[in-house]
């Protein structure tokens, strides 16, 4: 359990660094996806998605002018991965 917590903290730290250093959005989003897939209750993903929305969101018509797109994507991804893992019994 100790190394599992260490890996989770490392993933959290890397996501924060990637968001703060303005790396491409897909790098931090990929780590969020990895965290959701590896851990059952990776609720930090919603905090990171909110941070990404605060930094990267725009009011363009790309997503019909909606805000909090990353939060919505992470929520759908979180539910889908949880359902998928239950089906695989992982």
PDB file of N, CA and C in Angstrom:
ATOM      1  N   UNK A   1       0.821  -1.188   0.000  1.00  0.00           N
ATOM      2  CA  UNK A   1       0.000   0.000   0.000  1.00  0.00           C
ATOM      3  C   UNK A   1       0.865   1.252   0.000  1.00  0.00           C
ATOM      4  N   UNK A   2       2.029   1.200   0.603  1.00  0.00           N
ATOM      5  CA  UNK A   2       2.892   2.366   0.684  1.00  0.00           C
ATOM      6  C   UNK A   2       3.353   2.847  -0.675  1.00  0.00           C
ATOM      7  N   UNK A   3       3.768   1.933  -1.541  1.00  0.00           N
ATOM      8  CA  UNK A   3       4.225   2.354  -2.869  1.00  0.00           C
ATOM      9  C   UNK A   3       3.055   2.812  -3.729  1.00  0.00           C
ATOM     10  N   UNK A   4       1.862   2.289  -3.487  1.00  0.00           N
ATOM     11  CA  UNK A   4       0.675   2.707  -4.209  1.00  0.00           C
ATOM     12  C   UNK A   4       0.356   4.171  -3.907  1.00  0.00           C
ATOM     13  N   UNK A   5       0.482   4.555  -2.648  1.00  0.00           N
ATOM     14  CA  UNK A   5       0.262   5.941  -2.255  1.00  0.00           C
ATOM     15  C   UNK A   5       1.346   6.834  -2.844  1.00  0.00           C
ATOM     16  N   UNK A   6       2.577   6.345  -2.865  1.00  0.00           N
ATOM     17  CA  UNK A   6       3.681   7.135  -3.420  1.00  0.00           C
ATOM     18  C   UNK A   6       3.458   7.418  -4.902  1.00  0.00           C
ATOM     19  N   UNK A   7       3.016   6.410  -5.629  1.00  0.00           N
ATOM     20  CA  UNK A   7       2.757   6.597  -7.065  1.00  0.00           C
ATOM     21  C   UNK A   7       1.605   7.579  -7.268  1.00  0.00           C
ATOM     22  N   UNK A   8       0.586   7.501  -6.432  1.00  0.00           N
ATOM     23  CA  UNK A   8      -0.544   8.423  -6.542  1.00  0.00           C
ATOM     24  C   UNK A   8      -0.101   9.861  -6.275  1.00  0.00           C
ATOM     25  N   UNK A   9       0.746  10.044  -5.275  1.00  0.00           N
ATOM     26  CA  UNK A   9       1.247  11.389  -4.973  1.00  0.00           C
ATOM     27  C   UNK A   9       2.122  11.898  -6.110  1.00  0.00           C
ATOM     28  N   UNK A  10       2.932  11.027  -6.697  1.00  0.00           N
ATOM     29  CA  UNK A  10       3.776  11.426  -7.825  1.00  0.00           C
ATOM     30  C   UNK A  10       2.915  11.840  -9.017  1.00  0.00           C
ATOM     31  N   UNK A  11       1.852  11.082  -9.297  1.00  0.00           N
ATOM     32  CA  UNK A  11       0.951  11.433 -10.403  1.00  0.00           C
ATOM     33  C   UNK A  11       0.280  12.776 -10.123  1.00  0.00           C
ATOM     34  N   UNK A  12      -0.186  12.994  -8.885  1.00  0.00           N
ATOM     35  CA  UNK A  12      -0.792  14.280  -8.516  1.00  0.00           C
ATOM     36  C   UNK A  12       0.192  15.426  -8.701  1.00  0.00           C
ATOM     37  N   UNK A  13       1.412  15.237  -8.236  1.00  0.00           N
ATOM     38  CA  UNK A  13       2.433  16.270  -8.345  1.00  0.00           C
ATOM     39  C   UNK A  13       2.750  16.583  -9.806  1.00  0.00           C
ATOM     40  N   UNK A  14       2.865  15.549 -10.640  1.00  0.00           N
ATOM     41  CA  UNK A  14       3.145  15.771 -12.058  1.00  0.00           C
ATOM     42  C   UNK A  14       2.004  16.511 -12.752  1.00  0.00           C
ATOM     43  N   UNK A  15       0.769  16.188 -12.397  1.00  0.00           N
ATOM     44  CA  UNK A  15      -0.370  16.883 -13.003  1.00  0.00           C
ATOM     45  C   UNK A  15      -0.339  18.358 -12.631  1.00  0.00           C
ATOM     46  N   UNK A  16      -0.061  18.652 -11.369  1.00  0.00           N
ATOM     47  CA  UNK A  16       0.011  20.052 -10.942  1.00  0.00           C
ATOM     48  C   UNK A  16       1.134  20.782 -11.678  1.00  0.00           C
ATOM     49  N   UNK A  17       2.288  20.135 -11.811  1.00  0.00           N
ATOM     50  CA  UNK A  17       3.411  20.744 -12.531  1.00  0.00           C
ATOM     51  C   UNK A  17       3.035  20.987 -13.991  1.00  0.00           C
ATOM     52  N   UNK A  18       2.415  19.993 -14.640  1.00  0.00           N
ATOM     53  CA  UNK A  18       2.038  20.140 -16.038  1.00  0.00           C
ATOM     54  C   UNK A  18       1.026  21.269 -16.232  1.00  0.00           C
ATOM     55  N   UNK A  19       0.084  21.417 -15.296  1.00  0.00           N
ATOM     56  CA  UNK A  19      -0.902  22.485 -15.409  1.00  0.00           C
ATOM     57  C   UNK A  19      -0.242  23.840 -15.151  1.00  0.00           C
ATOM     58  N   UNK A  20       0.603  23.919 -14.132  1.00  0.00           N
ATOM     59  CA  UNK A  20       1.218  25.194 -13.759  1.00  0.00           C
ATOM     60  C   UNK A  20       2.233  25.672 -14.793  1.00  0.00           C
ATOM     61  N   UNK A  21       2.951  24.753 -15.405  1.00  0.00           N
ATOM     62  CA  UNK A  21       3.975  25.129 -16.369  1.00  0.00           C
ATOM     63  C   UNK A  21       3.402  25.320 -17.773  1.00  0.00           C
ATOM     64  N   UNK A  22       2.093  25.213 -17.915  1.00  0.00           N
ATOM     65  CA  UNK A  22       1.382  25.417 -19.180  1.00  0.00           C
ATOM     66  C   UNK A  22       1.870  24.462 -20.264  1.00  0.00           C
ATOM     67  N   UNK A  23       2.067  23.208 -19.886  1.00  0.00           N
ATOM     68  CA  UNK A  23       2.330  22.175 -20.877  1.00  0.00           C
ATOM     69  C   UNK A  23       1.071  22.004 -21.715  1.00  0.00           C
ATOM     70  N   UNK A  24       1.165  21.309 -22.843  1.00  0.00           N
ATOM     71  CA  UNK A  24      -0.054  21.076 -23.631  1.00  0.00           C
ATOM     72  C   UNK A  24      -1.127  20.378 -22.788  1.00  0.00           C
ATOM     73  N   UNK A  25      -2.360  20.725 -23.029  1.00  0.00           N
ATOM     74  CA  UNK A  25      -3.460  20.229 -22.209  1.00  0.00           C
ATOM     75  C   UNK A  25      -3.565  18.714 -22.237  1.00  0.00           C
ATOM     76  N   UNK A  26      -3.164  18.099 -23.351  1.00  0.00           N
ATOM     77  CA  UNK A  26      -3.342  16.660 -23.478  1.00  0.00           C
ATOM     78  C   UNK A  26      -2.364  15.883 -22.598  1.00  0.00           C
ATOM     79  N   UNK A  27      -1.246  16.468 -22.205  1.00  0.00           N
ATOM     80  CA  UNK A  27      -0.330  15.789 -21.287  1.00  0.00           C
ATOM     81  C   UNK A  27      -0.949  15.673 -19.893  1.00  0.00           C
ATOM     82  N   UNK A  28      -1.457  16.775 -19.384  1.00  0.00           N
ATOM     83  CA  UNK A  28      -2.077  16.712 -18.059  1.00  0.00           C
ATOM     84  C   UNK A  28      -3.371  15.905 -18.109  1.00  0.00           C
ATOM     85  N   UNK A  29      -4.114  16.011 -19.194  1.00  0.00           N
ATOM     86  CA  UNK A  29      -5.341  15.226 -19.320  1.00  0.00           C
ATOM     87  C   UNK A  29      -5.027  13.730 -19.414  1.00  0.00           C
ATOM     88  N   UNK A  30      -3.927  13.382 -20.065  1.00  0.00           N
ATOM     89  CA  UNK A  30      -3.512  11.979 -20.125  1.00  0.00           C
ATOM     90  C   UNK A  30      -3.151  11.435 -18.761  1.00  0.00           C
ATOM     91  N   UNK A  31      -2.489  12.247 -17.948  1.00  0.00           N
ATOM     92  CA  UNK A  31      -2.173  11.807 -16.584  1.00  0.00           C
ATOM     93  C   UNK A  31      -3.428  11.695 -15.721  1.00  0.00           C
ATOM     94  N   UNK A  32      -4.381  12.583 -15.937  1.00  0.00           N
ATOM     95  CA  UNK A  32      -5.659  12.479 -15.219  1.00  0.00           C
ATOM     96  C   UNK A  32      -6.353  11.176 -15.610  1.00  0.00           C
ATOM     97  N   UNK A  33      -6.346  10.852 -16.899  1.00  0.00           N
ATOM     98  CA  UNK A  33      -6.942   9.596 -17.353  1.00  0.00           C
ATOM     99  C   UNK A  33      -6.224   8.394 -16.733  1.00  0.00           C
ATOM    100  N   UNK A  34      -4.903   8.449 -16.680  1.00  0.00           N
ATOM    101  CA  UNK A  34      -4.135   7.376 -16.061  1.00  0.00           C
ATOM    102  C   UNK A  34      -4.501   7.216 -14.590  1.00  0.00           C
ATOM    103  N   UNK A  35      -4.626   8.331 -13.887  1.00  0.00           N
ATOM    104  CA  UNK A  35      -5.011   8.277 -12.476  1.00  0.00           C
ATOM    105  C   UNK A  35      -6.400   7.698 -12.284  1.00  0.00           C
ATOM    106  N   UNK A  36      -7.340   8.090 -13.148  1.00  0.00           N
ATOM    107  CA  UNK A  36      -8.698   7.548 -13.049  1.00  0.00           C
ATOM    108  C   UNK A  36      -8.693   6.049 -13.322  1.00  0.00           C
ATOM    109  N   UNK A  37      -7.883   5.625 -14.264  1.00  0.00           N
ATOM    110  CA  UNK A  37      -7.856   4.208 -14.614  1.00  0.00           C
ATOM    111  C   UNK A  37      -7.143   3.368 -13.552  1.00  0.00           C
ATOM    112  N   UNK A  38      -6.080   3.908 -12.950  1.00  0.00           N
ATOM    113  CA  UNK A  38      -5.317   3.130 -11.980  1.00  0.00           C
ATOM    114  C   UNK A  38      -5.968   3.062 -10.604  1.00  0.00           C
ATOM    115  N   UNK A  39      -6.640   4.112 -10.182  1.00  0.00           N
ATOM    116  CA  UNK A  39      -7.178   4.184  -8.824  1.00  0.00           C
ATOM    117  C   UNK A  39      -8.687   4.265  -8.855  1.00  0.00           C
ATOM    118  N   UNK A  40      -9.312   3.585  -7.911  1.00  0.00           N
ATOM    119  CA  UNK A  40     -10.769   3.520  -7.880  1.00  0.00           C
ATOM    120  C   UNK A  40     -11.398   4.874  -7.563  1.00  0.00           C
ATOM    121  N   UNK A  41     -10.911   5.561  -6.574  1.00  0.00           N
ATOM    122  CA  UNK A  41     -11.493   6.839  -6.156  1.00  0.00           C
ATOM    123  C   UNK A  41     -10.499   7.965  -6.385  1.00  0.00           C
ATOM    124  N   UNK A  42     -10.244   8.288  -7.613  1.00  0.00           N
ATOM    125  CA  UNK A  42      -9.311   9.358  -7.956  1.00  0.00           C
ATOM    126  C   UNK A  42     -10.093  10.658  -8.093  1.00  0.00           C
ATOM    127  N   UNK A  43     -10.591  11.154  -6.957  1.00  0.00           N
ATOM    128  CA  UNK A  43     -11.436  12.340  -6.962  1.00  0.00           C
ATOM    129  C   UNK A  43     -10.646  13.620  -7.222  1.00  0.00           C
ATOM    130  N   UNK A  44      -9.331  13.544  -7.134  1.00  0.00           N
ATOM    131  CA  UNK A  44      -8.521  14.717  -7.445  1.00  0.00           C
ATOM    132  C   UNK A  44      -8.696  15.132  -8.901  1.00  0.00           C
ATOM    133  N   UNK A  45      -9.146  14.224  -9.717  1.00  0.00           N
ATOM    134  CA  UNK A  45      -9.341  14.515 -11.138  1.00  0.00           C
ATOM    135  C   UNK A  45     -10.303  15.681 -11.339  1.00  0.00           C
ATOM    136  N   UNK A  46     -11.319  15.791 -10.490  1.00  0.00           N
ATOM    137  CA  UNK A  46     -12.273  16.890 -10.623  1.00  0.00           C
ATOM    138  C   UNK A  46     -11.626  18.226 -10.254  1.00  0.00           C
ATOM    139  N   UNK A  47     -10.760  18.221  -9.266  1.00  0.00           N
ATOM    140  CA  UNK A  47     -10.026  19.431  -8.908  1.00  0.00           C
ATOM    141  C   UNK A  47      -9.101  19.848 -10.041  1.00  0.00           C
ATOM    142  N   UNK A  48      -8.385  18.875 -10.619  1.00  0.00           N
ATOM    143  CA  UNK A  48      -7.486  19.184 -11.729  1.00  0.00           C
ATOM    144  C   UNK A  48      -8.264  19.658 -12.950  1.00  0.00           C
ATOM    145  N   UNK A  49      -9.428  19.064 -13.196  1.00  0.00           N
ATOM    146  CA  UNK A  49     -10.253  19.497 -14.330  1.00  0.00           C
ATOM    147  C   UNK A  49     -10.741  20.926 -14.122  1.00  0.00           C
ATOM    148  N   UNK A  50     -11.099  21.258 -12.885  1.00  0.00           N
ATOM    149  CA  UNK A  50     -11.515  22.628 -12.598  1.00  0.00           C
ATOM    150  C   UNK A  50     -10.350  23.596 -12.802  1.00  0.00           C
ATOM    151  N   UNK A  51      -9.150  23.189 -12.384  1.00  0.00           N
ATOM    152  CA  UNK A  51      -7.972  24.025 -12.604  1.00  0.00           C
ATOM    153  C   UNK A  51      -7.705  24.210 -14.096  1.00  0.00           C
ATOM    154  N   UNK A  52      -7.839  23.136 -14.874  1.00  0.00           N
ATOM    155  CA  UNK A  52      -7.621  23.230 -16.319  1.00  0.00           C
ATOM    156  C   UNK A  52      -8.670  24.127 -16.968  1.00  0.00           C
ATOM    157  N   UNK A  53      -9.914  24.046 -16.492  1.00  0.00           N
ATOM    158  CA  UNK A  53     -10.951  24.935 -17.015  1.00  0.00           C
ATOM    159  C   UNK A  53     -10.651  26.385 -16.675  1.00  0.00           C
ATOM    160  N   UNK A  54     -10.135  26.618 -15.496  1.00  0.00           N
ATOM    161  CA  UNK A  54      -9.819  27.984 -15.095  1.00  0.00           C
ATOM    162  C   UNK A  54      -8.700  28.572 -15.934  1.00  0.00           C
ATOM    163  N   UNK A  55      -7.744  27.750 -16.321  1.00  0.00           N
ATOM    164  CA  UNK A  55      -6.588  28.249 -17.062  1.00  0.00           C
ATOM    165  C   UNK A  55      -6.823  28.229 -18.568  1.00  0.00           C
ATOM    166  N   UNK A  56      -7.333  27.130 -19.106  1.00  0.00           N
ATOM    167  CA  UNK A  56      -7.378  26.930 -20.550  1.00  0.00           C
ATOM    168  C   UNK A  56      -8.708  27.253 -21.208  1.00  0.00           C
ATOM    169  N   UNK A  57      -9.775  27.444 -20.451  1.00  0.00           N
ATOM    170  CA  UNK A  57     -11.080  27.600 -21.097  1.00  0.00           C
ATOM    171  C   UNK A  57     -11.196  28.945 -21.801  1.00  0.00           C
ATOM    172  N   UNK A  58     -11.953  28.934 -22.860  1.00  0.00           N
ATOM    173  CA  UNK A  58     -12.222  30.150 -23.625  1.00  0.00           C
ATOM    174  C   UNK A  58     -13.717  30.239 -23.855  1.00  0.00           C
ATOM    175  N   UNK A  59     -14.164  31.368 -24.310  1.00  0.00           N
ATOM    176  CA  UNK A  59     -15.594  31.545 -24.573  1.00  0.00           C
ATOM    177  C   UNK A  59     -15.891  31.445 -26.060  1.00  0.00           C
ATOM    178  N   UNK A  60     -15.032  30.728 -26.784  1.00  0.00           N
ATOM    179  CA  UNK A  60     -15.273  30.550 -28.220  1.00  0.00           C
ATOM    180  C   UNK A  60     -16.445  29.597 -28.434  1.00  0.00           C
ATOM    181  N   UNK A  61     -16.871  29.500 -29.654  1.00  0.00           N
ATOM    182  CA  UNK A  61     -18.003  28.631 -29.984  1.00  0.00           C
ATOM    183  C   UNK A  61     -17.572  27.187 -30.232  1.00  0.00           C
ATOM    184  N   UNK A  62     -16.363  26.847 -29.825  1.00  0.00           N
ATOM    185  CA  UNK A  62     -15.866  25.496 -30.054  1.00  0.00           C
ATOM    186  C   UNK A  62     -16.746  24.456 -29.359  1.00  0.00           C
ATOM    187  N   UNK A  63     -17.144  24.740 -28.123  1.00  0.00           N
ATOM    188  CA  UNK A  63     -18.037  23.856 -27.386  1.00  0.00           C
ATOM    189  C   UNK A  63     -19.357  24.556 -27.118  1.00  0.00           C
ATOM    190  N   UNK A  64     -19.858  25.256 -28.097  1.00  0.00           N
ATOM    191  CA  UNK A  64     -21.132  25.973 -28.046  1.00  0.00           C
ATOM    192  C   UNK A  64     -21.133  27.037 -26.956  1.00  0.00           C
ATOM    193  N   UNK A  65     -19.972  27.602 -26.657  1.00  0.00           N
ATOM    194  CA  UNK A  65     -19.865  28.667 -25.675  1.00  0.00           C
ATOM    195  C   UNK A  65     -19.997  28.212 -24.237  1.00  0.00           C
ATOM    196  N   UNK A  66     -19.924  26.925 -23.977  1.00  0.00           N
ATOM    197  CA  UNK A  66     -20.079  26.394 -22.616  1.00  0.00           C
ATOM    198  C   UNK A  66     -18.764  26.472 -21.853  1.00  0.00           C
ATOM    199  N   UNK A  67     -18.886  26.696 -20.565  1.00  0.00           N
ATOM    200  CA  UNK A  67     -17.714  26.675 -19.701  1.00  0.00           C
ATOM    201  C   UNK A  67     -17.673  25.334 -18.975  1.00  0.00           C
ATOM    202  N   UNK A  68     -16.576  25.065 -18.317  1.00  0.00           N
ATOM    203  CA  UNK A  68     -16.362  23.838 -17.549  1.00  0.00           C
ATOM    204  C   UNK A  68     -16.461  22.592 -18.427  1.00  0.00           C
ATOM    205  N   UNK A  69     -15.837  22.656 -19.571  1.00  0.00           N
ATOM    206  CA  UNK A  69     -15.827  21.526 -20.494  1.00  0.00           C
ATOM    207  C   UNK A  69     -14.972  20.390 -19.944  1.00  0.00           C
ATOM    208  N   UNK A  70     -13.818  20.717 -19.364  1.00  0.00           N
ATOM    209  CA  UNK A  70     -12.945  19.680 -18.822  1.00  0.00           C
ATOM    210  C   UNK A  70     -13.618  18.946 -17.663  1.00  0.00           C
ATOM    211  N   UNK A  71     -14.343  19.663 -16.830  1.00  0.00           N
ATOM    212  CA  UNK A  71     -15.037  19.018 -15.720  1.00  0.00           C
ATOM    213  C   UNK A  71     -16.070  18.038 -16.253  1.00  0.00           C
ATOM    214  N   UNK A  72     -16.787  18.426 -17.273  1.00  0.00           N
ATOM    215  CA  UNK A  72     -17.785  17.544 -17.871  1.00  0.00           C
ATOM    216  C   UNK A  72     -17.124  16.317 -18.496  1.00  0.00           C
ATOM    217  N   UNK A  73     -16.017  16.524 -19.200  1.00  0.00           N
ATOM    218  CA  UNK A  73     -15.303  15.412 -19.826  1.00  0.00           C
ATOM    219  C   UNK A  73     -14.758  14.463 -18.770  1.00  0.00           C
ATOM    220  N   UNK A  74     -14.185  14.997 -17.700  1.00  0.00           N
ATOM    221  CA  UNK A  74     -13.638  14.153 -16.633  1.00  0.00           C
ATOM    222  C   UNK A  74     -14.759  13.406 -15.917  1.00  0.00           C
ATOM    223  N   UNK A  75     -15.906  14.049 -15.721  1.00  0.00           N
ATOM    224  CA  UNK A  75     -17.031  13.373 -15.086  1.00  0.00           C
ATOM    225  C   UNK A  75     -17.505  12.186 -15.922  1.00  0.00           C
ATOM    226  N   UNK A  76     -17.672  12.395 -17.215  1.00  0.00           N
ATOM    227  CA  UNK A  76     -18.102  11.309 -18.101  1.00  0.00           C
ATOM    228  C   UNK A  76     -17.049  10.211 -18.145  1.00  0.00           C
ATOM    229  N   UNK A  77     -15.793  10.595 -18.221  1.00  0.00           N
ATOM    230  CA  UNK A  77     -14.695   9.628 -18.230  1.00  0.00           C
ATOM    231  C   UNK A  77     -14.638   8.841 -16.925  1.00  0.00           C
ATOM    232  N   UNK A  78     -14.833   9.517 -15.807  1.00  0.00           N
ATOM    233  CA  UNK A  78     -14.824   8.875 -14.493  1.00  0.00           C
ATOM    234  C   UNK A  78     -15.923   7.817 -14.400  1.00  0.00           C
ATOM    235  N   UNK A  79     -17.132   8.170 -14.820  1.00  0.00           N
ATOM    236  CA  UNK A  79     -18.258   7.228 -14.783  1.00  0.00           C
ATOM    237  C   UNK A  79     -18.012   6.062 -15.737  1.00  0.00           C
ATOM    238  N   UNK A  80     -17.520   6.344 -16.948  1.00  0.00           N
ATOM    239  CA  UNK A  80     -17.285   5.288 -17.924  1.00  0.00           C
ATOM    240  C   UNK A  80     -16.207   4.312 -17.456  1.00  0.00           C
ATOM    241  N   UNK A  81     -15.104   4.827 -16.931  1.00  0.00           N
ATOM    242  CA  UNK A  81     -14.017   3.949 -16.481  1.00  0.00           C
ATOM    243  C   UNK A  81     -14.469   3.117 -15.296  1.00  0.00           C
ATOM    244  N   UNK A  82     -15.238   3.705 -14.386  1.00  0.00           N
ATOM    245  CA  UNK A  82     -15.758   2.933 -13.241  1.00  0.00           C
ATOM    246  C   UNK A  82     -16.668   1.797 -13.735  1.00  0.00           C
ATOM    247  N   UNK A  83     -17.541   2.100 -14.682  1.00  0.00           N
ATOM    248  CA  UNK A  83     -18.424   1.081 -15.232  1.00  0.00           C
ATOM    249  C   UNK A  83     -17.613   0.005 -15.950  1.00  0.00           C
ATOM    250  N   UNK A  84     -16.631   0.419 -16.739  1.00  0.00           N
ATOM    251  CA  UNK A  84     -15.795  -0.512 -17.504  1.00  0.00           C
ATOM    252  C   UNK A  84     -14.998  -1.430 -16.571  1.00  0.00           C
ATOM    253  N   UNK A  85     -14.463  -0.872 -15.488  1.00  0.00           N
ATOM    254  CA  UNK A  85     -13.697  -1.689 -14.547  1.00  0.00           C
ATOM    255  C   UNK A  85     -14.576  -2.669 -13.799  1.00  0.00           C
ATOM    256  N   UNK A  86     -15.832  -2.299 -13.534  1.00  0.00           N
ATOM    257  CA  UNK A  86     -16.755  -3.246 -12.909  1.00  0.00           C
ATOM    258  C   UNK A  86     -17.083  -4.389 -13.866  1.00  0.00           C
ATOM    259  N   UNK A  87     -17.207  -4.082 -15.131  1.00  0.00           N
ATOM    260  CA  UNK A  87     -17.490  -5.137 -16.120  1.00  0.00           C
ATOM    261  C   UNK A  87     -16.307  -6.092 -16.266  1.00  0.00           C
ATOM    262  N   UNK A  88     -15.083  -5.547 -16.149  1.00  0.00           N
ATOM    263  CA  UNK A  88     -13.880  -6.393 -16.252  1.00  0.00           C
ATOM    264  C   UNK A  88     -13.537  -7.054 -14.921  1.00  0.00           C
ATOM    265  N   UNK A  89     -14.180  -6.581 -13.854  1.00  0.00           N
ATOM    266  CA  UNK A  89     -13.896  -7.052 -12.491  1.00  0.00           C
ATOM    267  C   UNK A  89     -12.453  -6.829 -12.108  1.00  0.00           C
ATOM    268  N   UNK A  90     -11.982  -5.614 -12.378  1.00  0.00           N
ATOM    269  CA  UNK A  90     -10.591  -5.257 -12.039  1.00  0.00           C
ATOM    270  C   UNK A  90     -10.575  -4.556 -10.708  1.00  0.00           C
TER     271      UNK A  90
END
